[in-house]
Amino acid sequence: MQPPDELNKLFQTRWREVSGEYVSLNAETDLRQSIANFLTENNLHSAALAGSPLPLEIGEYLRDKIEITVDFEREKPSRQEAVLKCSRAEVGITTVDALIADTGTLVLRSRQRGDRLCSLLPEIHLAIALKAPIFPNLAAFFETAPQNLSLSLITGPSRTADIEKQLVLGAHGPRRVVVWGQ
């Protein structure tokens, strides 16, 4: 088995090969401030937060800086309202449950409606992978994964090449997917 540092480098290489973006944080870098800087640099003003402790902490920090269209940790909107609120957000922020190195894939468990909607509907998906275990391949992940999970596997931004064989990002989901990791 490869050491975690090698798996992380392989993941980052594969992730970038599929047009994903990666922000590497060190112990001194504040995740909340790094995300706030990203939002400012990209002139973004609204976010949808999937329900988990990390986006909640980020949301508390960002609440006076941007509009939070929906925070699934604090509210339980109807399906129709959740779709509308996530669609209005420029950015969806989720937590990643695992990384697959050989394909550059993010694994998100769908604990509640917000996890999937925040990763699919906004133009930009910010994925927090600071505590996500990294696996060499999908088989290794499924050896240890609990059964009966609903998972989303994300390998880069949404894409299609159907139209005149030109690659188009954001065709059926986010145009950009940015991972924050170590």
Protein backbone atom coordinates (compact mmCIF):
# COMPACT_ATOMS: atom_id res chain seq x y z
CA MET A 1 0.00 0.00 0.00
CA GLN A 2 1.22 3.48 -0.87
CA PRO A 3 2.00 5.95 1.92
CA PRO A 4 -0.67 8.65 2.50
CA ASP A 5 1.60 11.42 1.13
CA GLU A 6 1.99 9.56 -2.18
CA LEU A 7 -1.75 8.89 -2.35
CA ASN A 8 -2.44 12.58 -1.71
CA LYS A 9 -0.06 13.63 -4.51
CA LEU A 10 -1.69 11.10 -6.86
CA PHE A 11 -5.15 12.37 -5.93
CA GLN A 12 -4.14 15.99 -6.57
CA THR A 13 -2.60 15.07 -9.95
CA ARG A 14 -5.67 13.11 -11.07
CA TRP A 15 -8.02 15.78 -9.69
CA ARG A 16 -6.30 18.52 -11.69
CA GLU A 17 -6.32 16.31 -14.81
CA VAL A 18 -10.13 16.39 -14.72
CA SER A 19 -10.20 20.22 -14.38
CA GLY A 20 -10.64 20.19 -10.60
CA GLU A 21 -9.00 22.85 -8.47
CA TYR A 22 -7.13 22.11 -5.24
CA VAL A 23 -6.25 24.48 -2.38
CA SER A 24 -3.58 23.02 -0.11
CA LEU A 25 -3.73 24.19 3.48
CA ASN A 26 -1.03 23.88 6.09
CA ALA A 27 -1.39 23.97 9.89
CA GLU A 28 -1.08 27.77 9.98
CA THR A 29 -3.69 28.46 7.29
CA ASP A 30 -7.20 29.26 8.52
CA LEU A 31 -9.76 27.39 6.41
CA ARG A 32 -12.49 29.97 7.07
CA GLN A 33 -10.27 32.87 6.00
CA SER A 34 -9.04 30.94 2.94
CA ILE A 35 -12.64 30.39 1.82
CA ALA A 36 -13.52 34.04 2.54
CA ASN A 37 -10.53 35.09 0.40
CA PHE A 38 -11.65 32.77 -2.41
CA LEU A 39 -15.15 34.26 -2.33
CA THR A 40 -13.79 37.82 -2.39
CA GLU A 41 -11.26 37.12 -5.17
CA ASN A 42 -13.99 35.54 -7.31
CA ASN A 43 -16.59 38.23 -6.53
CA LEU A 44 -19.03 35.69 -5.03
CA HIS A 45 -21.81 36.84 -2.70
CA SER A 46 -23.99 33.83 -1.80
CA ALA A 47 -23.53 30.28 -0.54
CA ALA A 48 -25.57 27.20 0.36
CA LEU A 49 -24.23 25.14 3.25
CA ALA A 50 -24.64 21.38 3.47
CA GLY A 51 -25.39 20.12 6.95
CA SER A 52 -22.30 19.08 8.85
CA PRO A 53 -20.22 20.68 11.57
CA LEU A 54 -17.53 22.06 9.24
CA PRO A 55 -19.82 24.03 6.89
CA LEU A 56 -21.71 25.27 9.99
CA GLU A 57 -18.46 26.70 11.39
CA ILE A 58 -17.66 28.24 8.00
CA GLY A 59 -21.19 29.63 7.76
CA GLU A 60 -20.90 31.31 11.16
CA TYR A 61 -17.70 32.97 10.00
CA LEU A 62 -19.12 34.03 6.61
CA ARG A 63 -22.60 35.05 7.76
CA ASP A 64 -21.82 38.79 7.92
CA LYS A 65 -19.72 38.71 4.71
CA ILE A 66 -22.07 36.97 2.24
CA GLU A 67 -25.68 35.83 1.90
CA ILE A 68 -26.29 32.28 3.14
CA THR A 69 -29.23 31.16 0.98
CA VAL A 70 -29.73 27.96 2.98
CA ASP A 71 -27.96 26.32 5.93
CA PHE A 72 -29.10 22.70 6.16
CA GLU A 73 -27.68 22.36 9.67
CA ARG A 74 -30.04 25.09 10.94
CA GLU A 75 -33.11 24.66 8.75
CA LYS A 76 -35.06 21.86 7.14
CA PRO A 77 -36.74 23.40 4.09
CA SER A 78 -39.24 21.51 1.96
CA ARG A 79 -37.79 19.80 -1.10
CA GLN A 80 -39.05 22.54 -3.42
CA GLU A 81 -37.73 25.31 -1.17
CA ALA A 82 -34.35 23.55 -0.77
CA VAL A 83 -33.93 23.26 -4.54
CA LEU A 84 -34.84 26.92 -5.01
CA LYS A 85 -32.46 28.13 -2.28
CA CYS A 86 -29.54 26.01 -3.51
CA SER A 87 -30.15 27.11 -7.09
CA ARG A 88 -29.95 30.77 -6.00
CA ALA A 89 -26.53 30.25 -4.35
CA GLU A 90 -23.39 30.95 -6.35
CA VAL A 91 -21.43 28.48 -4.20
CA GLY A 92 -22.31 25.22 -2.45
CA ILE A 93 -20.10 24.18 0.47
CA THR A 94 -19.89 20.53 1.55
CA THR A 95 -17.65 18.21 3.52
CA VAL A 96 -15.95 15.32 1.71
CA ASP A 97 -16.11 11.89 3.33
CA ALA A 98 -13.31 10.20 1.36
CA LEU A 99 -10.88 10.70 -1.53
CA ILE A 100 -10.07 8.12 -4.22
CA ALA A 101 -6.49 8.66 -5.41
CA ASP A 102 -6.28 6.74 -8.68
CA THR A 103 -9.27 8.51 -10.27
CA GLY A 104 -9.19 11.85 -8.45
CA THR A 105 -12.66 11.26 -7.06
CA LEU A 106 -14.51 12.83 -4.11
CA VAL A 107 -16.90 10.67 -2.09
CA LEU A 108 -19.82 12.46 -0.40
CA ARG A 109 -22.27 10.56 1.78
CA SER A 110 -25.79 11.85 1.47
CA ARG A 111 -26.75 12.23 5.10
CA GLN A 112 -29.51 14.64 4.24
CA ARG A 113 -30.86 16.56 1.28
CA GLY A 114 -28.34 19.41 1.57
CA ASP A 115 -25.27 17.29 0.85
CA ARG A 116 -26.37 16.40 -2.66
CA LEU A 117 -28.08 19.70 -3.54
CA CYS A 118 -25.13 21.85 -2.40
CA SER A 119 -22.75 19.78 -4.52
CA LEU A 120 -24.90 19.84 -7.67
CA LEU A 121 -26.95 23.02 -8.05
CA PRO A 122 -24.65 26.03 -7.48
CA GLU A 123 -22.21 27.01 -10.25
CA ILE A 124 -19.27 26.41 -7.90
CA HIS A 125 -18.85 23.55 -5.42
CA LEU A 126 -16.40 24.07 -2.54
CA ALA A 127 -15.49 20.70 -1.05
CA ILE A 128 -13.77 20.55 2.34
CA ALA A 129 -11.55 17.44 2.51
CA LEU A 130 -9.33 18.21 5.50
CA LYS A 131 -10.34 15.12 7.49
CA ALA A 132 -11.23 12.84 4.59
CA PRO A 133 -9.40 9.51 4.48
CA ILE A 134 -7.70 8.75 1.18
CA PHE A 135 -7.98 5.38 -0.54
CA PRO A 136 -5.85 4.11 -3.43
CA ASN A 137 -8.94 3.05 -5.45
CA LEU A 138 -12.70 2.48 -5.25
CA ALA A 139 -12.29 -1.19 -4.34
CA ALA A 140 -10.27 -0.24 -1.24
CA PHE A 141 -12.93 2.31 -0.27
CA PHE A 142 -15.79 -0.18 -0.62
CA GLU A 143 -13.93 -2.77 1.47
CA THR A 144 -14.31 -0.50 4.50
CA ALA A 145 -17.44 1.53 3.65
CA PRO A 146 -20.60 0.79 5.62
CA GLN A 147 -23.30 -0.88 3.57
CA ASN A 148 -26.56 0.77 2.56
CA LEU A 149 -25.04 4.20 2.00
CA SER A 150 -26.23 6.71 -0.53
CA LEU A 151 -23.06 8.14 -2.09
CA SER A 152 -22.15 10.79 -4.61
CA LEU A 153 -18.91 10.20 -6.50
CA ILE A 154 -17.52 13.39 -8.03
CA THR A 155 -14.63 13.35 -10.47
CA GLY A 156 -14.15 16.99 -11.42
CA PRO A 157 -16.65 19.58 -12.63
CA SER A 158 -19.66 18.58 -14.69
CA ARG A 159 -18.72 18.21 -18.35
CA THR A 160 -19.98 17.23 -21.76
CA ALA A 161 -18.52 17.16 -25.26
CA ASP A 162 -21.79 16.48 -27.06
CA ILE A 163 -22.00 19.88 -28.74
CA GLU A 164 -19.71 19.91 -31.79
CA LYS A 165 -17.20 17.79 -29.84
CA GLN A 166 -16.21 20.83 -27.74
CA LEU A 167 -15.66 20.22 -24.02
CA VAL A 168 -18.13 22.29 -21.98
CA LEU A 169 -17.78 22.53 -18.20
CA GLY A 170 -20.84 23.01 -16.02
CA ALA A 171 -23.29 21.34 -18.37
CA HIS A 172 -25.13 19.24 -15.77
CA GLY A 173 -23.80 20.54 -12.46
CA PRO A 174 -21.07 22.81 -11.12
CA ARG A 175 -18.78 24.57 -13.56
CA ARG A 176 -16.00 24.57 -10.95
CA VAL A 177 -15.21 22.20 -8.09
CA VAL A 178 -12.58 23.38 -5.62
CA VAL A 179 -11.20 21.04 -2.94
CA TRP A 180 -9.61 22.30 0.27
CA GLY A 181 -7.18 19.70 1.60
CA GLN A 182 -3.85 19.21 3.27
